Amino acid sequence: MSTVSAEIERRLAALQPVHLEVRNDSDRHRGHAGHDGTGESHFTVRIVSEAFAGKNRVQRQRAVYAALGDLMDRIHALAIAAAAPGEPLPER
């Protein structure tokens, strides 16, 4: 696991997820804008947390961004699939 992936997991633990997947998609973006050559620029997060109950998609994404904080300065692209327990997790 990359250092950025590990830090994403560590910081998203604040949302107390019951399910969390972090996928590094950087290799699929080699040569594209934002690919910085580190192999740690593009990620997908799939997360299920009670913290998302009653929140819309934008509020859920904002909660993820808030949990990641300044780490977003190192991430060019982040795809987020977020759900509350009992809801289907959107595909990403």
C-alpha atoms as a PDB file:
ATOM      1  CA  MET A   1       0.000   0.000   0.000  1.00  0.00           C
ATOM      2  CA  SER A   2       1.289   3.438  -0.871  1.00  0.00           C
ATOM      3  CA  THR A   3       1.969   5.987   1.803  1.00  0.00           C
ATOM      4  CA  VAL A   4      -0.841   8.220   0.541  1.00  0.00           C
ATOM      5  CA  SER A   5      -3.256   5.248   0.548  1.00  0.00           C
ATOM      6  CA  ALA A   6      -2.299   4.432   4.120  1.00  0.00           C
ATOM      7  CA  GLU A   7      -2.760   8.050   5.167  1.00  0.00           C
ATOM      8  CA  ILE A   8      -6.175   8.173   3.465  1.00  0.00           C
ATOM      9  CA  GLU A   9      -7.218   5.109   5.484  1.00  0.00           C
ATOM     10  CA  ARG A  10      -5.822   6.570   8.700  1.00  0.00           C
ATOM     11  CA  ARG A  11      -7.639   9.870   8.298  1.00  0.00           C
ATOM     12  CA  LEU A  12     -10.952   8.358   7.175  1.00  0.00           C
ATOM     13  CA  ALA A  13     -10.972   6.265  10.354  1.00  0.00           C
ATOM     14  CA  ALA A  14     -12.311   9.460  11.971  1.00  0.00           C
ATOM     15  CA  LEU A  15     -15.617   8.735  10.176  1.00  0.00           C
ATOM     16  CA  GLN A  16     -15.750   5.318  11.886  1.00  0.00           C
ATOM     17  CA  PRO A  17     -16.421   3.389   8.679  1.00  0.00           C
ATOM     18  CA  VAL A  18     -17.971  -0.060   8.774  1.00  0.00           C
ATOM     19  CA  HIS A  19     -16.524  -0.594   5.294  1.00  0.00           C
ATOM     20  CA  LEU A  20     -13.593   1.174   3.664  1.00  0.00           C
ATOM     21  CA  GLU A  21     -11.752   0.492   0.411  1.00  0.00           C
ATOM     22  CA  VAL A  22      -8.980   2.707  -0.890  1.00  0.00           C
ATOM     23  CA  ARG A  23      -7.792   1.989  -4.420  1.00  0.00           C
ATOM     24  CA  ASN A  24      -4.773   3.645  -6.010  1.00  0.00           C
ATOM     25  CA  ASP A  25      -5.731   4.353  -9.633  1.00  0.00           C
ATOM     26  CA  SER A  26      -2.596   6.340 -10.477  1.00  0.00           C
ATOM     27  CA  ASP A  27      -1.154   3.835 -12.966  1.00  0.00           C
ATOM     28  CA  ARG A  28      -4.314   4.110 -15.058  1.00  0.00           C
ATOM     29  CA  HIS A  29      -3.611   7.846 -15.458  1.00  0.00           C
ATOM     30  CA  ARG A  30       0.043   7.686 -16.478  1.00  0.00           C
ATOM     31  CA  GLY A  31       0.716  10.482 -18.965  1.00  0.00           C
ATOM     32  CA  HIS A  32      -2.485  12.353 -18.085  1.00  0.00           C
ATOM     33  CA  ALA A  33      -2.704  15.737 -16.432  1.00  0.00           C
ATOM     34  CA  GLY A  34      -2.095  15.525 -12.721  1.00  0.00           C
ATOM     35  CA  HIS A  35      -0.058  12.321 -12.867  1.00  0.00           C
ATOM     36  CA  ASP A  36       3.017  13.510 -11.022  1.00  0.00           C
ATOM     37  CA  GLY A  37       5.164  10.415 -11.497  1.00  0.00           C
ATOM     38  CA  THR A  38       4.981   9.391  -7.834  1.00  0.00           C
ATOM     39  CA  GLY A  39       2.308   6.780  -8.457  1.00  0.00           C
ATOM     40  CA  GLU A  40       0.194   8.422  -5.737  1.00  0.00           C
ATOM     41  CA  SER A  41      -1.989  10.997  -7.462  1.00  0.00           C
ATOM     42  CA  HIS A  42      -5.343   9.338  -8.302  1.00  0.00           C
ATOM     43  CA  PHE A  43      -7.509   7.360  -5.855  1.00  0.00           C
ATOM     44  CA  THR A  44     -10.943   5.832  -5.407  1.00  0.00           C
ATOM     45  CA  VAL A  45     -12.538   5.625  -1.962  1.00  0.00           C
ATOM     46  CA  ARG A  46     -15.548   3.413  -1.212  1.00  0.00           C
ATOM     47  CA  ILE A  47     -16.796   4.047   2.301  1.00  0.00           C
ATOM     48  CA  VAL A  48     -19.823   3.122   4.403  1.00  0.00           C
ATOM     49  CA  SER A  49     -20.346   5.032   7.642  1.00  0.00           C
ATOM     50  CA  GLU A  50     -23.157   5.983   9.995  1.00  0.00           C
ATOM     51  CA  ALA A  51     -21.758   9.516   9.691  1.00  0.00           C
ATOM     52  CA  PHE A  52     -23.413   9.691   6.243  1.00  0.00           C
ATOM     53  CA  ALA A  53     -26.943   8.888   7.468  1.00  0.00           C
ATOM     54  CA  GLY A  54     -29.386  11.584   6.397  1.00  0.00           C
ATOM     55  CA  LYS A  55     -26.774  13.387   4.294  1.00  0.00           C
ATOM     56  CA  ASN A  56     -26.883  13.953   0.558  1.00  0.00           C
ATOM     57  CA  ARG A  57     -24.064  13.097  -1.852  1.00  0.00           C
ATOM     58  CA  VAL A  58     -22.417  16.536  -1.633  1.00  0.00           C
ATOM     59  CA  GLN A  59     -22.500  16.544   2.183  1.00  0.00           C
ATOM     60  CA  ARG A  60     -20.920  13.084   2.209  1.00  0.00           C
ATOM     61  CA  GLN A  61     -18.161  14.165  -0.147  1.00  0.00           C
ATOM     62  CA  ARG A  62     -17.502  17.249   1.967  1.00  0.00           C
ATOM     63  CA  ALA A  63     -17.190  15.042   5.059  1.00  0.00           C
ATOM     64  CA  VAL A  64     -14.592  12.904   3.287  1.00  0.00           C
ATOM     65  CA  TYR A  65     -12.665  15.974   2.110  1.00  0.00           C
ATOM     66  CA  ALA A  66     -12.781  17.445   5.622  1.00  0.00           C
ATOM     67  CA  ALA A  67     -11.420  14.219   7.104  1.00  0.00           C
ATOM     68  CA  LEU A  68      -8.595  14.183   4.562  1.00  0.00           C
ATOM     69  CA  GLY A  69      -7.754  17.844   5.161  1.00  0.00           C
ATOM     70  CA  ASP A  70      -4.389  18.962   3.799  1.00  0.00           C
ATOM     71  CA  LEU A  71      -3.741  15.514   2.320  1.00  0.00           C
ATOM     72  CA  MET A  72      -5.910  16.690  -0.595  1.00  0.00           C
ATOM     73  CA  ASP A  73      -2.957  18.919  -1.576  1.00  0.00           C
ATOM     74  CA  ARG A  74      -1.131  15.704  -2.590  1.00  0.00           C
ATOM     75  CA  ILE A  75      -4.076  14.101  -4.419  1.00  0.00           C
ATOM     76  CA  HIS A  76      -4.927  15.150  -7.968  1.00  0.00           C
ATOM     77  CA  ALA A  77      -8.133  13.125  -8.316  1.00  0.00           C
ATOM     78  CA  LEU A  78     -10.355  11.391  -5.775  1.00  0.00           C
ATOM     79  CA  ALA A  79     -13.453   9.400  -6.733  1.00  0.00           C
ATOM     80  CA  ILE A  80     -15.765   8.930  -3.753  1.00  0.00           C
ATOM     81  CA  ALA A  81     -18.535   6.377  -3.309  1.00  0.00           C
ATOM     82  CA  ALA A  82     -20.115   6.966   0.110  1.00  0.00           C
ATOM     83  CA  ALA A  83     -23.136   5.398   1.765  1.00  0.00           C
ATOM     84  CA  ALA A  84     -24.753   4.957   5.148  1.00  0.00           C
ATOM     85  CA  PRO A  85     -25.182   1.407   6.501  1.00  0.00           C
ATOM     86  CA  GLY A  86     -28.071  -0.359   4.759  1.00  0.00           C
ATOM     87  CA  GLU A  87     -27.764   1.753   1.615  1.00  0.00           C
ATOM     88  CA  PRO A  88     -26.310   0.409  -1.619  1.00  0.00           C
ATOM     89  CA  LEU A  89     -22.764   1.596  -2.143  1.00  0.00           C
ATOM     90  CA  PRO A  90     -22.542   3.436  -5.489  1.00  0.00           C
ATOM     91  CA  GLU A  91     -20.215   1.877  -8.067  1.00  0.00           C
ATOM     92  CA  ARG A  92     -17.020   3.748  -8.876  1.00  0.00           C
END
